[in-house]
Each structure stands twice: as structure tokens, then as C-alpha cells.
Amino acid sequence: QVHLVESGGALVRAGDSLRLSCAASGPTFSTSAMGWFRQAPEKKREFVSILSWSDSSTYYADFVKGRFTISRDNAKNTVYLQMNSLKPEDTAVYFCAAAADGSSWWRPPSYGMDYWGKGTLVTVSS
């Protein structure tokens, strides 16, 4: 079983930056990919970004390209989401997710993930 814990959510102003972290743990943690999704109030959860654990290739939703950057620290089993030029419409609960080792379900356009964190709230004021 994989346990994911997000941190870094906060109340910020439009134009500010924020970095989210997600630490993964488990008896024998391994994964094909880790990424971020978000869910705004009264909206469905949506894909934000995914990073392949095998080759570090990255994928982004169009609405965050050029503003958000996903990265990882292998030694810490941690994935980050650097968010710049934040907008009020970025307000959401951000969820970390991981794909099971060997899974290809996470690849676009499915973005299917197997493990989820509880989320961290990002609020961007105008």
C-alpha cells in the first residue's frame, strides 16, 4: 500500500507563487508515475500534471503550461508542484496521486492513478 501526504497549500494573492509537496511512503514503495490533480468547488476533479518515474518525462494540462512545474526528489520519494503566476481560478484542493508500479494507465489521455492523497487547499485571492 502506498501512502501519500500533501503539504504546502495556503492562501495567497493573485500573481504569487507556491510550492506543493507530496511525500510517498509504503513498505515497498515503487511507482510508474506521480502527479497532481485538483478539484475546485462544485467542479469535477481535473488533471494538472504528471511525471514519469522511469524517464522523468512530464505532462501538463494546457491551463498550467508555462506557470506550473512538476519535479521530484528520488531519495525522498517526493514530488513537487511549483506554481507561479497563480490566478484566482487556480483555487482548488490539490491532490497528489501515484500510479502502481508497472501501470501504463496513467499515460495520456487516461491519467489513471491508483493511489491518492487527501489533498491540500490552495486559495488564490484576487
N, C-alpha and C. Protein backbone atom coordinates (compact mmCIF):
# COMPACT_ATOMS: atom_id res chain seq x y z
N GLN A 1 0.84 -1.19 0.00
CA GLN A 1 0.00 0.00 0.00
C GLN A 1 0.88 1.24 0.00
N VAL A 2 0.47 2.24 -0.78
CA VAL A 2 1.21 3.50 -0.87
C VAL A 2 0.45 4.58 -0.12
N HIS A 3 1.16 5.31 0.69
CA HIS A 3 0.58 6.40 1.46
C HIS A 3 1.13 7.72 0.95
N LEU A 4 0.24 8.65 0.60
CA LEU A 4 0.66 9.93 0.05
C LEU A 4 0.20 11.06 0.95
N VAL A 5 1.10 11.97 1.25
CA VAL A 5 0.77 13.10 2.11
C VAL A 5 1.20 14.39 1.43
N GLU A 6 0.21 15.24 1.16
CA GLU A 6 0.48 16.53 0.54
C GLU A 6 0.72 17.60 1.60
N SER A 7 1.44 18.63 1.21
CA SER A 7 1.63 19.79 2.07
C SER A 7 1.93 21.00 1.19
N GLY A 8 1.80 22.18 1.80
CA GLY A 8 2.17 23.40 1.09
C GLY A 8 1.00 24.28 0.68
N GLY A 9 -0.21 23.79 0.81
CA GLY A 9 -1.35 24.61 0.45
C GLY A 9 -1.46 25.83 1.35
N ALA A 10 -1.97 26.93 0.78
CA ALA A 10 -2.06 28.16 1.55
C ALA A 10 -2.99 29.14 0.85
N LEU A 11 -3.25 30.24 1.53
CA LEU A 11 -3.98 31.37 0.96
C LEU A 11 -2.94 32.36 0.44
N VAL A 12 -3.01 32.64 -0.86
CA VAL A 12 -2.05 33.55 -1.48
C VAL A 12 -2.82 34.54 -2.35
N ARG A 13 -2.11 35.52 -2.86
CA ARG A 13 -2.71 36.52 -3.73
C ARG A 13 -2.41 36.19 -5.19
N ALA A 14 -3.24 36.70 -6.06
CA ALA A 14 -3.01 36.51 -7.49
C ALA A 14 -1.62 37.01 -7.86
N GLY A 15 -0.91 36.21 -8.66
CA GLY A 15 0.45 36.56 -9.05
C GLY A 15 1.52 35.96 -8.17
N ASP A 16 1.14 35.45 -7.02
CA ASP A 16 2.09 34.84 -6.09
C ASP A 16 2.51 33.45 -6.58
N SER A 17 3.51 32.91 -5.89
CA SER A 17 3.98 31.56 -6.17
C SER A 17 3.78 30.69 -4.94
N LEU A 18 3.72 29.39 -5.17
CA LEU A 18 3.53 28.43 -4.09
C LEU A 18 4.11 27.09 -4.55
N ARG A 19 4.67 26.36 -3.61
CA ARG A 19 5.18 25.03 -3.94
C ARG A 19 4.50 23.98 -3.08
N LEU A 20 3.90 23.03 -3.74
CA LEU A 20 3.28 21.90 -3.06
C LEU A 20 4.26 20.73 -3.03
N SER A 21 4.15 19.95 -1.97
CA SER A 21 4.98 18.76 -1.83
C SER A 21 4.09 17.56 -1.58
N CYS A 22 4.57 16.41 -2.03
CA CYS A 22 3.86 15.16 -1.78
C CYS A 22 4.88 14.09 -1.45
N ALA A 23 4.81 13.61 -0.23
CA ALA A 23 5.73 12.56 0.20
C ALA A 23 5.03 11.21 0.14
N ALA A 24 5.69 10.27 -0.51
CA ALA A 24 5.13 8.92 -0.66
C ALA A 24 5.85 7.96 0.28
N SER A 25 5.10 7.05 0.83
CA SER A 25 5.70 6.04 1.72
C SER A 25 4.94 4.74 1.60
N GLY A 26 5.55 3.69 2.05
CA GLY A 26 4.96 2.37 2.00
C GLY A 26 6.06 1.34 2.18
N PRO A 27 5.70 0.14 2.57
CA PRO A 27 6.71 -0.89 2.85
C PRO A 27 7.67 -1.11 1.68
N THR A 28 7.12 -1.11 0.48
CA THR A 28 7.97 -1.31 -0.70
C THR A 28 7.53 -0.35 -1.79
N PHE A 29 7.67 0.93 -1.51
CA PHE A 29 7.16 1.93 -2.44
C PHE A 29 7.86 1.85 -3.78
N SER A 30 7.05 1.79 -4.82
CA SER A 30 7.53 1.92 -6.18
C SER A 30 6.36 2.40 -7.02
N THR A 31 6.64 3.09 -8.07
CA THR A 31 5.57 3.68 -8.85
C THR A 31 5.99 3.86 -10.29
N SER A 32 5.02 3.97 -11.17
CA SER A 32 5.28 4.29 -12.56
C SER A 32 5.26 5.79 -12.79
N ALA A 33 4.44 6.48 -12.00
CA ALA A 33 4.31 7.92 -12.18
C ALA A 33 3.65 8.53 -10.96
N MET A 34 3.94 9.79 -10.75
CA MET A 34 3.25 10.56 -9.71
C MET A 34 2.80 11.87 -10.32
N GLY A 35 1.75 12.41 -9.74
CA GLY A 35 1.25 13.63 -10.33
C GLY A 35 0.30 14.38 -9.42
N TRP A 36 -0.28 15.42 -10.00
CA TRP A 36 -1.18 16.31 -9.28
C TRP A 36 -2.49 16.48 -10.05
N PHE A 37 -3.56 16.49 -9.29
CA PHE A 37 -4.89 16.77 -9.80
C PHE A 37 -5.48 17.83 -8.88
N ARG A 38 -6.56 18.45 -9.33
CA ARG A 38 -7.20 19.44 -8.47
C ARG A 38 -8.71 19.40 -8.63
N GLN A 39 -9.38 19.87 -7.60
CA GLN A 39 -10.83 19.94 -7.65
C GLN A 39 -11.27 21.25 -7.04
N ALA A 40 -11.86 22.09 -7.88
CA ALA A 40 -12.40 23.37 -7.43
C ALA A 40 -13.81 23.15 -6.90
N PRO A 41 -14.31 24.09 -6.10
CA PRO A 41 -15.65 23.95 -5.54
C PRO A 41 -16.69 23.72 -6.64
N GLU A 42 -17.51 22.72 -6.44
CA GLU A 42 -18.61 22.39 -7.35
C GLU A 42 -18.14 22.00 -8.74
N LYS A 43 -16.91 21.58 -8.86
CA LYS A 43 -16.39 21.12 -10.15
C LYS A 43 -15.80 19.73 -10.01
N LYS A 44 -15.63 19.06 -11.14
CA LYS A 44 -15.03 17.73 -11.11
C LYS A 44 -13.52 17.84 -10.94
N ARG A 45 -12.96 16.77 -10.43
CA ARG A 45 -11.50 16.72 -10.30
C ARG A 45 -10.88 16.70 -11.69
N GLU A 46 -9.77 17.43 -11.85
CA GLU A 46 -9.14 17.51 -13.16
C GLU A 46 -7.63 17.30 -13.06
N PHE A 47 -7.09 16.82 -14.13
CA PHE A 47 -5.66 16.58 -14.24
C PHE A 47 -4.90 17.90 -14.28
N VAL A 48 -3.76 17.94 -13.57
CA VAL A 48 -2.89 19.12 -13.59
C VAL A 48 -1.54 18.77 -14.21
N SER A 49 -0.87 17.77 -13.66
CA SER A 49 0.46 17.42 -14.15
C SER A 49 0.85 16.03 -13.67
N ILE A 50 1.66 15.35 -14.50
CA ILE A 50 2.16 14.02 -14.16
C ILE A 50 3.62 13.92 -14.55
N LEU A 51 4.37 13.19 -13.75
CA LEU A 51 5.79 12.96 -14.02
C LEU A 51 6.05 11.46 -14.05
N SER A 52 6.66 11.01 -15.14
CA SER A 52 7.01 9.59 -15.26
C SER A 52 8.21 9.27 -14.38
N TRP A 53 8.07 8.21 -13.59
CA TRP A 53 9.16 7.84 -12.69
C TRP A 53 10.32 7.19 -13.45
N SER A 54 10.07 6.60 -14.62
CA SER A 54 11.12 5.90 -15.33
C SER A 54 12.04 6.83 -16.11
N ASP A 55 11.47 7.84 -16.74
CA ASP A 55 12.30 8.71 -17.58
C ASP A 55 12.13 10.20 -17.30
N SER A 56 11.37 10.50 -16.26
CA SER A 56 11.13 11.89 -15.84
C SER A 56 10.41 12.74 -16.88
N SER A 57 9.80 12.12 -17.85
CA SER A 57 9.00 12.93 -18.78
C SER A 57 7.83 13.53 -18.03
N THR A 58 7.41 14.69 -18.47
CA THR A 58 6.35 15.41 -17.77
C THR A 58 5.21 15.76 -18.70
N TYR A 59 4.04 15.89 -18.11
CA TYR A 59 2.84 16.21 -18.85
C TYR A 59 2.07 17.27 -18.05
N TYR A 60 1.50 18.22 -18.76
CA TYR A 60 0.78 19.31 -18.11
C TYR A 60 -0.56 19.56 -18.78
N ALA A 61 -1.50 19.97 -17.98
CA ALA A 61 -2.75 20.47 -18.54
C ALA A 61 -2.48 21.80 -19.21
N ASP A 62 -3.22 22.09 -20.25
CA ASP A 62 -2.97 23.33 -21.00
C ASP A 62 -3.08 24.56 -20.12
N PHE A 63 -3.97 24.54 -19.15
CA PHE A 63 -4.21 25.76 -18.37
C PHE A 63 -3.08 26.05 -17.37
N VAL A 64 -2.10 25.15 -17.22
CA VAL A 64 -0.98 25.43 -16.31
C VAL A 64 0.37 25.48 -17.03
N LYS A 65 0.38 25.18 -18.30
CA LYS A 65 1.65 25.20 -19.04
C LYS A 65 2.29 26.57 -18.97
N GLY A 66 3.58 26.56 -18.64
CA GLY A 66 4.32 27.81 -18.53
C GLY A 66 4.24 28.44 -17.15
N ARG A 67 3.35 27.95 -16.32
CA ARG A 67 3.20 28.51 -14.97
C ARG A 67 3.58 27.50 -13.89
N PHE A 68 3.24 26.24 -14.09
CA PHE A 68 3.48 25.20 -13.09
C PHE A 68 4.61 24.28 -13.57
N THR A 69 5.39 23.79 -12.62
CA THR A 69 6.46 22.85 -12.92
C THR A 69 6.43 21.70 -11.92
N ILE A 70 6.42 20.49 -12.44
CA ILE A 70 6.46 19.32 -11.58
C ILE A 70 7.89 18.79 -11.53
N SER A 71 8.30 18.33 -10.36
CA SER A 71 9.65 17.80 -10.20
C SER A 71 9.65 16.74 -9.10
N ARG A 72 10.77 16.11 -8.89
CA ARG A 72 10.80 15.06 -7.88
C ARG A 72 12.16 14.99 -7.20
N ASP A 73 12.14 14.35 -6.03
CA ASP A 73 13.36 14.04 -5.30
C ASP A 73 13.30 12.54 -5.06
N ASN A 74 14.08 11.80 -5.83
CA ASN A 74 14.04 10.34 -5.73
C ASN A 74 14.37 9.84 -4.34
N ALA A 75 15.37 10.44 -3.75
CA ALA A 75 15.84 9.98 -2.45
C ALA A 75 14.76 10.10 -1.38
N LYS A 76 13.89 11.08 -1.56
CA LYS A 76 12.83 11.34 -0.57
C LYS A 76 11.47 10.80 -1.01
N ASN A 77 11.43 10.17 -2.19
CA ASN A 77 10.13 9.72 -2.73
C ASN A 77 9.11 10.84 -2.67
N THR A 78 9.53 11.99 -3.12
CA THR A 78 8.70 13.18 -3.02
C THR A 78 8.56 13.83 -4.39
N VAL A 79 7.37 14.28 -4.68
CA VAL A 79 7.11 15.04 -5.90
C VAL A 79 6.64 16.43 -5.51
N TYR A 80 7.03 17.40 -6.30
CA TYR A 80 6.71 18.79 -6.03
C TYR A 80 5.91 19.40 -7.18
N LEU A 81 5.15 20.42 -6.85
CA LEU A 81 4.49 21.20 -7.88
C LEU A 81 4.77 22.67 -7.58
N GLN A 82 5.63 23.26 -8.38
CA GLN A 82 5.92 24.68 -8.26
C GLN A 82 4.88 25.45 -9.07
N MET A 83 4.17 26.30 -8.41
CA MET A 83 3.09 27.04 -9.05
C MET A 83 3.43 28.53 -9.04
N ASN A 84 3.58 29.10 -10.22
CA ASN A 84 3.89 30.52 -10.36
C ASN A 84 2.72 31.25 -11.01
N SER A 85 2.73 32.56 -10.87
CA SER A 85 1.69 33.39 -11.50
C SER A 85 0.30 32.84 -11.22
N LEU A 86 0.04 32.59 -9.97
CA LEU A 86 -1.24 31.99 -9.60
C LEU A 86 -2.40 32.92 -9.90
N LYS A 87 -3.51 32.31 -10.26
CA LYS A 87 -4.72 33.05 -10.61
C LYS A 87 -5.85 32.61 -9.68
N PRO A 88 -6.85 33.44 -9.51
CA PRO A 88 -7.99 33.04 -8.66
C PRO A 88 -8.61 31.73 -9.13
N GLU A 89 -8.61 31.48 -10.42
CA GLU A 89 -9.20 30.23 -10.94
C GLU A 89 -8.35 29.00 -10.63
N ASP A 90 -7.17 29.19 -10.05
CA ASP A 90 -6.37 28.06 -9.58
C ASP A 90 -6.81 27.59 -8.20
N THR A 91 -7.72 28.32 -7.60
CA THR A 91 -8.22 27.92 -6.29
C THR A 91 -8.86 26.54 -6.35
N ALA A 92 -8.37 25.64 -5.50
CA ALA A 92 -8.85 24.25 -5.53
C ALA A 92 -8.16 23.46 -4.43
N VAL A 93 -8.69 22.28 -4.19
CA VAL A 93 -7.97 21.30 -3.40
C VAL A 93 -7.08 20.54 -4.36
N TYR A 94 -5.81 20.48 -4.07
CA TYR A 94 -4.85 19.80 -4.93
C TYR A 94 -4.52 18.44 -4.33
N PHE A 95 -4.68 17.43 -5.16
CA PHE A 95 -4.46 16.06 -4.74
C PHE A 95 -3.20 15.50 -5.40
N CYS A 96 -2.42 14.81 -4.60
CA CYS A 96 -1.29 14.05 -5.12
C CYS A 96 -1.78 12.65 -5.45
N ALA A 97 -1.21 12.06 -6.50
CA ALA A 97 -1.60 10.72 -6.89
C ALA A 97 -0.40 9.96 -7.41
N ALA A 98 -0.48 8.65 -7.31
CA ALA A 98 0.59 7.80 -7.80
C ALA A 98 0.00 6.61 -8.56
N ALA A 99 0.72 6.20 -9.57
CA ALA A 99 0.32 5.02 -10.35
C ALA A 99 1.08 3.81 -9.85
N ALA A 100 0.43 2.68 -9.87
CA ALA A 100 1.07 1.45 -9.44
C ALA A 100 2.28 1.14 -10.31
N ASP A 101 3.27 0.49 -9.71
CA ASP A 101 4.45 0.11 -10.46
C ASP A 101 4.07 -0.80 -11.62
N GLY A 102 4.54 -0.46 -12.80
CA GLY A 102 4.24 -1.27 -13.98
C GLY A 102 2.98 -0.84 -14.71
N SER A 103 2.23 0.06 -14.12
CA SER A 103 1.00 0.52 -14.76
C SER A 103 1.31 1.46 -15.91
N SER A 104 0.49 1.39 -16.94
CA SER A 104 0.58 2.36 -18.03
C SER A 104 -0.72 3.14 -18.13
N TRP A 105 -1.61 2.89 -17.21
CA TRP A 105 -2.91 3.54 -17.21
C TRP A 105 -2.79 5.04 -17.01
N TRP A 106 -1.67 5.47 -16.40
CA TRP A 106 -1.52 6.90 -16.12
C TRP A 106 -1.22 7.71 -17.38
N ARG A 107 -0.76 7.03 -18.43
CA ARG A 107 -0.34 7.76 -19.62
C ARG A 107 -1.51 8.48 -20.27
N PRO A 108 -1.21 9.67 -20.88
CA PRO A 108 -2.28 10.41 -21.55
C PRO A 108 -2.96 9.54 -22.61
N PRO A 109 -4.22 9.67 -22.81
CA PRO A 109 -5.10 10.65 -22.17
C PRO A 109 -5.84 10.12 -20.95
N SER A 110 -5.50 8.91 -20.48
CA SER A 110 -6.25 8.33 -19.37
C SER A 110 -5.98 9.02 -18.03
N TYR A 111 -4.70 9.27 -17.75
CA TYR A 111 -4.28 9.83 -16.46
C TYR A 111 -4.87 9.02 -15.30
N GLY A 112 -4.90 7.73 -15.46
CA GLY A 112 -5.44 6.87 -14.41
C GLY A 112 -4.43 6.61 -13.31
N MET A 113 -4.79 6.89 -12.08
CA MET A 113 -3.89 6.72 -10.95
C MET A 113 -4.51 5.76 -9.94
N ASP A 114 -3.63 5.14 -9.17
CA ASP A 114 -4.07 4.09 -8.25
C ASP A 114 -4.12 4.51 -6.79
N TYR A 115 -3.32 5.47 -6.43
CA TYR A 115 -3.25 5.90 -5.03
C TYR A 115 -3.44 7.40 -4.95
N TRP A 116 -4.12 7.83 -3.89
CA TRP A 116 -4.44 9.24 -3.76
C TRP A 116 -4.15 9.75 -2.35
N GLY A 117 -3.70 11.01 -2.29
CA GLY A 117 -3.59 11.68 -1.01
C GLY A 117 -4.91 12.31 -0.64
N LYS A 118 -4.95 12.96 0.52
CA LYS A 118 -6.19 13.57 1.00
C LYS A 118 -6.37 14.99 0.49
N GLY A 119 -5.31 15.57 -0.06
CA GLY A 119 -5.43 16.88 -0.66
C GLY A 119 -4.94 18.01 0.23
N THR A 120 -4.58 19.11 -0.42
CA THR A 120 -4.18 20.32 0.29
C THR A 120 -4.83 21.51 -0.42
N LEU A 121 -5.36 22.44 0.36
CA LEU A 121 -6.15 23.53 -0.19
C LEU A 121 -5.27 24.70 -0.61
N VAL A 122 -5.48 25.13 -1.84
CA VAL A 122 -4.83 26.33 -2.35
C VAL A 122 -5.92 27.35 -2.66
N THR A 123 -5.81 28.51 -2.05
CA THR A 123 -6.78 29.57 -2.28
C THR A 123 -6.04 30.79 -2.80
N VAL A 124 -6.48 31.28 -3.95
CA VAL A 124 -5.84 32.44 -4.57
C VAL A 124 -6.83 33.58 -4.58
N SER A 125 -6.51 34.64 -3.89
CA SER A 125 -7.39 35.80 -3.82
C SER A 125 -7.03 36.79 -4.93
N SER A 126 -8.03 37.53 -5.36
CA SER A 126 -7.81 38.49 -6.45
C SER A 126 -7.35 39.83 -5.89
